[in-house]
Amino acid sequence: MFCLLCLLIYTCVLANAILIISPARVTTSGNNLQIIPNFSLRDSEGQTPFALALWQGLHDIALQLLNSGANVNDRNMSDATLLHQAIDKQDTESALFLLEHGADANAKYVCSGLCI
């Protein structure tokens, strides 16, 4: 079984990120216990585990996070979508991955400060 917490820690260690931990949501339905991870966790730069997996080139892990509820159109602290960030980084592989998995190619980004 896929361990999201292990993946989250592994991804953050690879990216040398400081992770702000918040608890997962736990729900019950009959006799079933569901633990729903918090995909809005952010590191000190506002990046989610999904974004960190993308930037490390771990697209298989990014796909698992996406299939588990991560947001393909998430934005960082500067309000740039992951697609904007991939283009800015000239990361063609991640940009194509995002587009193939439903990233909004028409999302607007108003740059404040130094824009490339």
C-alpha atoms as a PDB file:
ATOM      1  CA  MET A   1       0.000   0.000   0.000  1.00  0.00           C
ATOM      2  CA  PHE A   2       1.147   3.500  -0.844  1.00  0.00           C
ATOM      3  CA  CYS A   3       2.271   5.485   2.212  1.00  0.00           C
ATOM      4  CA  LEU A   4       1.514   9.189   1.669  1.00  0.00           C
ATOM      5  CA  LEU A   5       3.225  10.356   4.849  1.00  0.00           C
ATOM      6  CA  CYS A   6       6.420   8.481   3.922  1.00  0.00           C
ATOM      7  CA  LEU A   7       6.260   9.975   0.441  1.00  0.00           C
ATOM      8  CA  LEU A   8       5.670  13.434   1.837  1.00  0.00           C
ATOM      9  CA  ILE A   9       8.684  13.199   4.128  1.00  0.00           C
ATOM     10  CA  TYR A  10      10.838  11.662   1.374  1.00  0.00           C
ATOM     11  CA  THR A  11       9.865  14.371  -1.115  1.00  0.00           C
ATOM     12  CA  CYS A  12      10.553  17.165   1.360  1.00  0.00           C
ATOM     13  CA  VAL A  13      13.937  15.696   2.277  1.00  0.00           C
ATOM     14  CA  LEU A  14      14.882  15.527  -1.412  1.00  0.00           C
ATOM     15  CA  ALA A  15      13.950  19.175  -1.854  1.00  0.00           C
ATOM     16  CA  ASN A  16      15.627  20.267   1.397  1.00  0.00           C
ATOM     17  CA  ALA A  17      12.287  21.784   2.359  1.00  0.00           C
ATOM     18  CA  ILE A  18      10.941  22.686   5.739  1.00  0.00           C
ATOM     19  CA  LEU A  19       7.487  21.198   6.033  1.00  0.00           C
ATOM     20  CA  ILE A  20       4.722  22.709   8.086  1.00  0.00           C
ATOM     21  CA  ILE A  21       2.847  19.716   9.460  1.00  0.00           C
ATOM     22  CA  SER A  22      -0.897  19.812   9.978  1.00  0.00           C
ATOM     23  CA  PRO A  23      -3.052  16.842  10.884  1.00  0.00           C
ATOM     24  CA  ALA A  24      -4.904  14.710   8.379  1.00  0.00           C
ATOM     25  CA  ARG A  25      -8.674  14.588   8.522  1.00  0.00           C
ATOM     26  CA  VAL A  26     -10.064  11.337   9.919  1.00  0.00           C
ATOM     27  CA  THR A  27     -13.602  10.239   9.105  1.00  0.00           C
ATOM     28  CA  THR A  28     -15.581   7.114   9.804  1.00  0.00           C
ATOM     29  CA  SER A  29     -18.260   5.480   7.738  1.00  0.00           C
ATOM     30  CA  GLY A  30     -19.823   2.502   9.437  1.00  0.00           C
ATOM     31  CA  ASN A  31     -16.918   0.257  10.439  1.00  0.00           C
ATOM     32  CA  ASN A  32     -14.498   1.898   8.011  1.00  0.00           C
ATOM     33  CA  LEU A  33     -11.910   4.438   9.127  1.00  0.00           C
ATOM     34  CA  GLN A  34     -10.673   6.839   6.460  1.00  0.00           C
ATOM     35  CA  ILE A  35      -7.613   9.029   6.854  1.00  0.00           C
ATOM     36  CA  ILE A  36      -7.645  11.854   4.349  1.00  0.00           C
ATOM     37  CA  PRO A  37      -4.248  13.545   3.981  1.00  0.00           C
ATOM     38  CA  ASN A  38      -4.016  17.317   3.884  1.00  0.00           C
ATOM     39  CA  PHE A  39      -2.738  18.164   0.400  1.00  0.00           C
ATOM     40  CA  SER A  40      -2.623  21.867   1.207  1.00  0.00           C
ATOM     41  CA  LEU A  41       0.501  21.438   3.340  1.00  0.00           C
ATOM     42  CA  ARG A  42       3.162  23.921   2.303  1.00  0.00           C
ATOM     43  CA  ASP A  43       6.884  24.272   2.807  1.00  0.00           C
ATOM     44  CA  SER A  44       8.608  27.553   3.646  1.00  0.00           C
ATOM     45  CA  GLU A  45       8.348  28.624  -0.011  1.00  0.00           C
ATOM     46  CA  GLY A  46       4.664  27.792  -0.342  1.00  0.00           C
ATOM     47  CA  GLN A  47       5.180  24.581  -2.326  1.00  0.00           C
ATOM     48  CA  THR A  48       2.965  21.528  -1.793  1.00  0.00           C
ATOM     49  CA  PRO A  49       4.194  17.909  -1.802  1.00  0.00           C
ATOM     50  CA  PHE A  50       2.779  17.601  -5.333  1.00  0.00           C
ATOM     51  CA  ALA A  51       4.837  20.594  -6.495  1.00  0.00           C
ATOM     52  CA  LEU A  52       7.975  19.292  -4.782  1.00  0.00           C
ATOM     53  CA  ALA A  53       7.567  15.926  -6.513  1.00  0.00           C
ATOM     54  CA  LEU A  54       7.239  17.723  -9.868  1.00  0.00           C
ATOM     55  CA  TRP A  55      10.328  19.877  -9.366  1.00  0.00           C
ATOM     56  CA  GLN A  56      12.390  16.822  -8.387  1.00  0.00           C
ATOM     57  CA  GLY A  57      11.291  15.034 -11.584  1.00  0.00           C
ATOM     58  CA  LEU A  58       9.382  12.425  -9.582  1.00  0.00           C
ATOM     59  CA  HIS A  59       6.416  12.364 -11.942  1.00  0.00           C
ATOM     60  CA  ASP A  60       5.331   8.862 -10.934  1.00  0.00           C
ATOM     61  CA  ILE A  61       4.996  10.084  -7.346  1.00  0.00           C
ATOM     62  CA  ALA A  62       3.335  13.309  -8.543  1.00  0.00           C
ATOM     63  CA  LEU A  63       0.772  11.178 -10.396  1.00  0.00           C
ATOM     64  CA  GLN A  64       0.034   9.168  -7.251  1.00  0.00           C
ATOM     65  CA  LEU A  65      -0.430  12.392  -5.277  1.00  0.00           C
ATOM     66  CA  LEU A  66      -2.666  13.777  -8.019  1.00  0.00           C
ATOM     67  CA  ASN A  67      -4.758  10.608  -8.067  1.00  0.00           C
ATOM     68  CA  SER A  68      -5.041  10.849  -4.279  1.00  0.00           C
ATOM     69  CA  GLY A  69      -6.444  14.373  -4.310  1.00  0.00           C
ATOM     70  CA  ALA A  70      -3.640  16.869  -4.968  1.00  0.00           C
ATOM     71  CA  ASN A  71      -4.649  19.965  -6.955  1.00  0.00           C
ATOM     72  CA  VAL A  72      -3.106  20.243 -10.443  1.00  0.00           C
ATOM     73  CA  ASN A  73      -3.987  23.973 -10.492  1.00  0.00           C
ATOM     74  CA  ASP A  74      -2.516  24.812  -7.101  1.00  0.00           C
ATOM     75  CA  ARG A  75      -0.786  28.179  -6.694  1.00  0.00           C
ATOM     76  CA  ASN A  76       2.281  29.183  -4.693  1.00  0.00           C
ATOM     77  CA  MET A  77       2.631  32.153  -2.315  1.00  0.00           C
ATOM     78  CA  SER A  78       3.175  34.450  -5.324  1.00  0.00           C
ATOM     79  CA  ASP A  79      -0.121  33.250  -6.859  1.00  0.00           C
ATOM     80  CA  ALA A  80       1.641  31.452  -9.734  1.00  0.00           C
ATOM     81  CA  THR A  81       0.083  28.152 -10.787  1.00  0.00           C
ATOM     82  CA  LEU A  82       2.245  25.057 -11.063  1.00  0.00           C
ATOM     83  CA  LEU A  83       2.071  25.435 -14.840  1.00  0.00           C
ATOM     84  CA  HIS A  84       3.340  29.037 -14.618  1.00  0.00           C
ATOM     85  CA  GLN A  85       6.170  27.839 -12.376  1.00  0.00           C
ATOM     86  CA  ALA A  86       7.104  24.978 -14.722  1.00  0.00           C
ATOM     87  CA  ILE A  87       7.251  27.378 -17.658  1.00  0.00           C
ATOM     88  CA  ASP A  88       9.296  29.864 -15.625  1.00  0.00           C
ATOM     89  CA  LYS A  89      11.721  27.050 -14.682  1.00  0.00           C
ATOM     90  CA  GLN A  90      11.848  25.964 -18.345  1.00  0.00           C
ATOM     91  CA  ASP A  91      10.771  22.518 -17.120  1.00  0.00           C
ATOM     92  CA  THR A  92       9.115  21.228 -20.284  1.00  0.00           C
ATOM     93  CA  GLU A  93       8.577  17.735 -18.890  1.00  0.00           C
ATOM     94  CA  SER A  94       6.657  19.023 -15.860  1.00  0.00           C
ATOM     95  CA  ALA A  95       4.700  21.536 -17.962  1.00  0.00           C
ATOM     96  CA  LEU A  96       3.572  18.758 -20.310  1.00  0.00           C
ATOM     97  CA  PHE A  97       2.758  16.493 -17.341  1.00  0.00           C
ATOM     98  CA  LEU A  98       0.563  19.236 -15.860  1.00  0.00           C
ATOM     99  CA  LEU A  99      -1.221  19.907 -19.151  1.00  0.00           C
ATOM    100  CA  GLU A 100      -1.800  16.181 -19.740  1.00  0.00           C
ATOM    101  CA  HIS A 101      -3.386  15.951 -16.285  1.00  0.00           C
ATOM    102  CA  GLY A 102      -5.788  18.859 -16.587  1.00  0.00           C
ATOM    103  CA  ALA A 103      -3.843  21.987 -15.660  1.00  0.00           C
ATOM    104  CA  ASP A 104      -5.662  25.158 -16.702  1.00  0.00           C
ATOM    105  CA  ALA A 105      -3.680  26.585 -19.606  1.00  0.00           C
ATOM    106  CA  ASN A 106      -5.764  29.781 -19.423  1.00  0.00           C
ATOM    107  CA  ALA A 107      -5.127  30.553 -15.749  1.00  0.00           C
ATOM    108  CA  LYS A 108      -4.170  34.177 -15.174  1.00  0.00           C
ATOM    109  CA  TYR A 109      -1.111  35.255 -13.211  1.00  0.00           C
ATOM    110  CA  VAL A 110      -0.409  38.878 -12.359  1.00  0.00           C
ATOM    111  CA  CYS A 111       3.263  39.217 -11.614  1.00  0.00           C
ATOM    112  CA  SER A 112       4.188  41.659  -8.888  1.00  0.00           C
ATOM    113  CA  GLY A 113       7.865  42.494  -8.820  1.00  0.00           C
ATOM    114  CA  LEU A 114      10.503  41.168 -11.194  1.00  0.00           C
ATOM    115  CA  CYS A 115       8.819  39.143 -13.957  1.00  0.00           C
ATOM    116  CA  ILE A 116      10.502  37.193 -16.683  1.00  0.00           C
END
